[in-house]
């Protein structure tokens, strides 16, 4: 039985080798697309399963107190530092 199977595979491979290059490429790409669809199906199933099993994650971020004066001061200092660097570079 194993010898019959081995012989059938050998005959099939010989038949494939005798095909033209275009037919070989068509068979190759059909196989790649078929396997890609199968893998994509299982990937989508896995993603759906994982998304359905996610627990509600409660992320608590601390409230940030931002003072507008601090922002303006930092922006002013940064722009002055950049101006000083530009002056040093051009000299």
N, C-alpha and C. Protein backbone atom coordinates (compact mmCIF):
# COMPACT_ATOMS: atom_id res chain seq x y z
N UNK A 1 0.83 -1.20 0.00
CA UNK A 1 0.00 0.00 0.00
C UNK A 1 0.87 1.26 0.00
N UNK A 2 1.90 1.27 0.83
CA UNK A 2 2.79 2.42 0.89
C UNK A 2 3.55 2.58 -0.43
N UNK A 3 3.89 1.45 -1.05
CA UNK A 3 4.60 1.50 -2.33
C UNK A 3 3.71 2.09 -3.41
N UNK A 4 2.41 1.75 -3.39
CA UNK A 4 1.47 2.32 -4.35
C UNK A 4 1.37 3.84 -4.19
N UNK A 5 1.31 4.27 -2.95
CA UNK A 5 1.22 5.71 -2.66
C UNK A 5 2.46 6.43 -3.13
N UNK A 6 3.62 5.82 -2.84
CA UNK A 6 4.89 6.39 -3.26
C UNK A 6 4.97 6.46 -4.79
N UNK A 7 4.50 5.44 -5.46
CA UNK A 7 4.51 5.41 -6.92
C UNK A 7 3.57 6.47 -7.50
N UNK A 8 2.41 6.63 -6.88
CA UNK A 8 1.46 7.65 -7.35
C UNK A 8 2.06 9.05 -7.21
N UNK A 9 2.73 9.30 -6.10
CA UNK A 9 3.37 10.61 -5.90
C UNK A 9 4.46 10.83 -6.94
N UNK A 10 5.26 9.80 -7.18
CA UNK A 10 6.34 9.91 -8.17
C UNK A 10 5.77 10.20 -9.55
N UNK A 11 4.70 9.52 -9.92
CA UNK A 11 4.06 9.77 -11.22
C UNK A 11 3.48 11.18 -11.29
N UNK A 12 2.90 11.64 -10.19
CA UNK A 12 2.32 12.99 -10.16
C UNK A 12 3.40 14.05 -10.31
N UNK A 13 4.53 13.85 -9.61
CA UNK A 13 5.64 14.80 -9.71
C UNK A 13 6.20 14.80 -11.14
N UNK A 14 6.33 13.64 -11.74
CA UNK A 14 6.81 13.55 -13.12
C UNK A 14 5.86 14.28 -14.07
N UNK A 15 4.57 14.12 -13.84
CA UNK A 15 3.57 14.80 -14.67
C UNK A 15 3.69 16.32 -14.50
N UNK A 16 3.89 16.76 -13.25
CA UNK A 16 4.05 18.20 -13.01
C UNK A 16 5.31 18.73 -13.68
N UNK A 17 6.38 17.98 -13.65
CA UNK A 17 7.63 18.42 -14.27
C UNK A 17 7.51 18.55 -15.77
N UNK A 18 6.62 17.78 -16.38
CA UNK A 18 6.49 17.82 -17.83
C UNK A 18 5.58 18.96 -18.31
N UNK A 19 4.92 19.66 -17.37
CA UNK A 19 4.04 20.76 -17.76
C UNK A 19 4.85 21.97 -18.21
N UNK A 20 4.19 22.87 -18.92
CA UNK A 20 4.86 24.10 -19.35
C UNK A 20 5.06 25.02 -18.14
N UNK A 21 5.96 25.99 -18.31
CA UNK A 21 6.28 26.91 -17.22
C UNK A 21 5.04 27.69 -16.76
N UNK A 22 4.21 28.13 -17.71
CA UNK A 22 3.02 28.90 -17.35
C UNK A 22 2.05 28.08 -16.50
N UNK A 23 1.87 26.82 -16.86
CA UNK A 23 0.97 25.96 -16.08
C UNK A 23 1.55 25.70 -14.69
N UNK A 24 2.87 25.55 -14.61
CA UNK A 24 3.50 25.36 -13.31
C UNK A 24 3.29 26.58 -12.42
N UNK A 25 3.43 27.77 -13.01
CA UNK A 25 3.23 29.00 -12.24
C UNK A 25 1.79 29.12 -11.78
N UNK A 26 0.86 28.76 -12.63
CA UNK A 26 -0.56 28.81 -12.26
C UNK A 26 -0.84 27.87 -11.10
N UNK A 27 -0.29 26.66 -11.17
CA UNK A 27 -0.49 25.69 -10.08
C UNK A 27 0.15 26.20 -8.79
N UNK A 28 1.35 26.77 -8.91
CA UNK A 28 2.04 27.30 -7.74
C UNK A 28 1.21 28.39 -7.07
N UNK A 29 0.76 29.39 -7.87
CA UNK A 29 0.02 30.51 -7.29
C UNK A 29 -1.35 30.09 -6.77
N UNK A 30 -1.97 29.12 -7.43
CA UNK A 30 -3.25 28.61 -6.92
C UNK A 30 -3.06 27.95 -5.56
N UNK A 31 -1.97 27.21 -5.43
CA UNK A 31 -1.66 26.56 -4.15
C UNK A 31 -1.37 27.60 -3.07
N UNK A 32 -0.59 28.62 -3.41
CA UNK A 32 -0.26 29.68 -2.45
C UNK A 32 -1.52 30.41 -2.00
N UNK A 33 -2.39 30.75 -2.94
CA UNK A 33 -3.63 31.45 -2.60
C UNK A 33 -4.52 30.57 -1.73
N UNK A 34 -4.63 29.31 -2.09
CA UNK A 34 -5.46 28.38 -1.32
C UNK A 34 -4.95 28.26 0.12
N UNK A 35 -3.66 28.05 0.28
CA UNK A 35 -3.08 27.95 1.62
C UNK A 35 -3.21 29.27 2.38
N UNK A 36 -3.05 30.39 1.68
CA UNK A 36 -3.21 31.70 2.31
C UNK A 36 -4.63 31.91 2.82
N UNK A 37 -5.60 31.48 2.04
CA UNK A 37 -7.00 31.60 2.48
C UNK A 37 -7.27 30.75 3.71
N UNK A 38 -6.72 29.56 3.71
CA UNK A 38 -6.91 28.69 4.88
C UNK A 38 -6.26 29.32 6.12
N UNK A 39 -5.04 29.80 5.97
CA UNK A 39 -4.35 30.42 7.11
C UNK A 39 -5.07 31.69 7.54
N UNK A 40 -5.56 32.48 6.59
CA UNK A 40 -6.31 33.69 6.91
C UNK A 40 -7.58 33.39 7.67
N UNK A 41 -8.26 32.32 7.28
CA UNK A 41 -9.49 31.92 7.97
C UNK A 41 -9.21 31.63 9.45
N UNK A 42 -8.16 30.82 9.70
CA UNK A 42 -7.84 30.49 11.08
C UNK A 42 -7.33 31.70 11.86
N UNK A 43 -6.63 32.61 11.18
CA UNK A 43 -6.16 33.83 11.84
C UNK A 43 -7.34 34.70 12.26
N UNK A 44 -8.31 34.88 11.36
CA UNK A 44 -9.49 35.68 11.69
C UNK A 44 -10.27 35.04 12.83
N UNK A 45 -10.42 33.72 12.78
CA UNK A 45 -11.11 33.02 13.87
C UNK A 45 -10.40 33.23 15.19
N UNK A 46 -9.08 33.17 15.19
CA UNK A 46 -8.30 33.36 16.39
C UNK A 46 -8.44 34.79 16.93
N UNK A 47 -8.41 35.77 16.04
CA UNK A 47 -8.56 37.17 16.46
C UNK A 47 -9.93 37.40 17.07
N UNK A 48 -10.96 36.87 16.43
CA UNK A 48 -12.32 37.03 16.95
C UNK A 48 -12.44 36.38 18.33
N UNK A 49 -11.86 35.20 18.48
CA UNK A 49 -11.90 34.50 19.77
C UNK A 49 -11.19 35.32 20.85
N UNK A 50 -10.02 35.84 20.53
CA UNK A 50 -9.25 36.61 21.51
C UNK A 50 -9.97 37.91 21.86
N UNK A 51 -10.57 38.57 20.87
CA UNK A 51 -11.29 39.81 21.16
C UNK A 51 -12.53 39.56 22.01
N UNK A 52 -13.20 38.44 21.79
CA UNK A 52 -14.38 38.12 22.58
C UNK A 52 -14.01 37.75 24.01
N UNK A 53 -12.79 37.27 24.24
CA UNK A 53 -12.40 36.85 25.57
C UNK A 53 -11.64 37.91 26.35
N UNK A 54 -11.52 39.09 25.77
CA UNK A 54 -10.86 40.17 26.51
C UNK A 54 -11.74 40.61 27.66
N UNK A 55 -11.15 40.77 28.80
CA UNK A 55 -11.90 41.30 29.93
C UNK A 55 -11.91 42.82 29.81
N UNK A 56 -12.89 43.41 30.42
CA UNK A 56 -12.94 44.87 30.42
C UNK A 56 -11.76 45.39 31.21
N UNK A 57 -10.90 46.05 30.54
CA UNK A 57 -9.71 46.58 31.18
C UNK A 57 -10.01 48.03 31.56
N UNK A 58 -9.94 48.28 32.85
CA UNK A 58 -10.22 49.63 33.33
C UNK A 58 -8.90 50.34 33.57
N UNK A 59 -8.55 51.17 32.65
CA UNK A 59 -7.32 51.92 32.78
C UNK A 59 -7.64 53.25 33.44
N UNK A 60 -7.03 53.47 34.57
CA UNK A 60 -7.26 54.73 35.27
C UNK A 60 -6.00 55.57 35.14
N UNK A 61 -6.13 56.63 34.41
CA UNK A 61 -5.01 57.53 34.25
C UNK A 61 -5.15 58.67 35.26
N UNK A 62 -4.06 59.11 35.83
CA UNK A 62 -4.16 60.23 36.77
C UNK A 62 -4.50 61.51 36.02
N UNK A 63 -5.20 62.36 36.70
CA UNK A 63 -5.52 63.64 36.07
C UNK A 63 -4.30 64.54 36.10
N UNK A 64 -4.05 65.16 35.00
CA UNK A 64 -2.90 66.04 34.90
C UNK A 64 -3.36 67.48 35.11
N UNK A 65 -2.64 68.15 35.97
CA UNK A 65 -2.94 69.56 36.18
C UNK A 65 -1.91 70.35 35.38
N UNK A 66 -2.38 71.02 34.37
CA UNK A 66 -1.48 71.78 33.52
C UNK A 66 -1.81 73.26 33.68
N UNK A 67 -0.80 73.97 34.00
CA UNK A 67 -0.95 75.40 34.15
C UNK A 67 -0.52 76.07 32.85
N UNK A 68 -1.38 76.90 32.29
CA UNK A 68 -1.06 77.55 31.01
C UNK A 68 0.18 78.41 31.10
N UNK A 69 0.41 79.00 32.26
CA UNK A 69 1.61 79.85 32.41
C UNK A 69 2.87 79.01 32.31
N UNK A 70 2.84 77.78 32.84
CA UNK A 70 4.01 76.90 32.75
C UNK A 70 4.30 76.54 31.30
N UNK A 71 3.25 76.30 30.54
CA UNK A 71 3.43 75.96 29.13
C UNK A 71 4.04 77.12 28.38
N UNK A 72 3.51 78.32 28.62
CA UNK A 72 4.04 79.50 27.94
C UNK A 72 5.49 79.75 28.32
N UNK A 73 5.82 79.57 29.60
CA UNK A 73 7.18 79.78 30.06
C UNK A 73 8.13 78.77 29.40
N UNK A 74 7.71 77.50 29.35
CA UNK A 74 8.54 76.47 28.73
C UNK A 74 8.73 76.73 27.24
N UNK A 75 7.66 77.14 26.58
CA UNK A 75 7.78 77.44 25.14
C UNK A 75 8.72 78.61 24.91
N UNK A 76 8.61 79.63 25.75
CA UNK A 76 9.49 80.79 25.62
C UNK A 76 10.94 80.41 25.84
N UNK A 77 11.19 79.63 26.89
CA UNK A 77 12.57 79.20 27.18
C UNK A 77 13.12 78.36 26.04
N UNK A 78 12.33 77.45 25.52
CA UNK A 78 12.79 76.60 24.42
C UNK A 78 13.09 77.42 23.17
N UNK A 79 12.23 78.38 22.86
CA UNK A 79 12.46 79.18 21.66
C UNK A 79 13.69 80.05 21.84
N UNK A 80 13.93 80.57 23.06
CA UNK A 80 15.14 81.36 23.29
C UNK A 80 16.38 80.51 23.18
N UNK A 81 16.32 79.29 23.71
CA UNK A 81 17.47 78.39 23.62
C UNK A 81 17.77 78.03 22.16
N UNK A 82 16.74 77.86 21.38
CA UNK A 82 16.95 77.55 19.96
C UNK A 82 17.54 78.74 19.23
N UNK A 83 17.10 79.95 19.59
CA UNK A 83 17.65 81.14 18.96
C UNK A 83 19.13 81.28 19.30
N UNK A 84 19.49 80.98 20.54
CA UNK A 84 20.89 81.07 20.95
C UNK A 84 21.71 80.02 20.18
N UNK A 85 21.18 78.82 20.05
CA UNK A 85 21.91 77.78 19.30
C UNK A 85 22.06 78.18 17.84
N UNK A 86 21.03 78.79 17.27
CA UNK A 86 21.13 79.22 15.88
C UNK A 86 22.17 80.30 15.70
N UNK A 87 22.27 81.20 16.67
CA UNK A 87 23.26 82.26 16.59
C UNK A 87 24.66 81.67 16.68
N UNK A 88 24.84 80.72 17.58
CA UNK A 88 26.17 80.09 17.73
C UNK A 88 26.57 79.31 16.48
N UNK A 89 25.61 78.69 15.83
CA UNK A 89 25.90 77.91 14.64
C UNK A 89 26.30 78.81 13.48
N UNK A 90 25.61 79.93 13.34
CA UNK A 90 25.87 80.81 12.20
C UNK A 90 27.16 81.61 12.36
N UNK A 91 27.64 81.76 13.58
CA UNK A 91 28.86 82.55 13.77
C UNK A 91 30.07 81.82 13.38
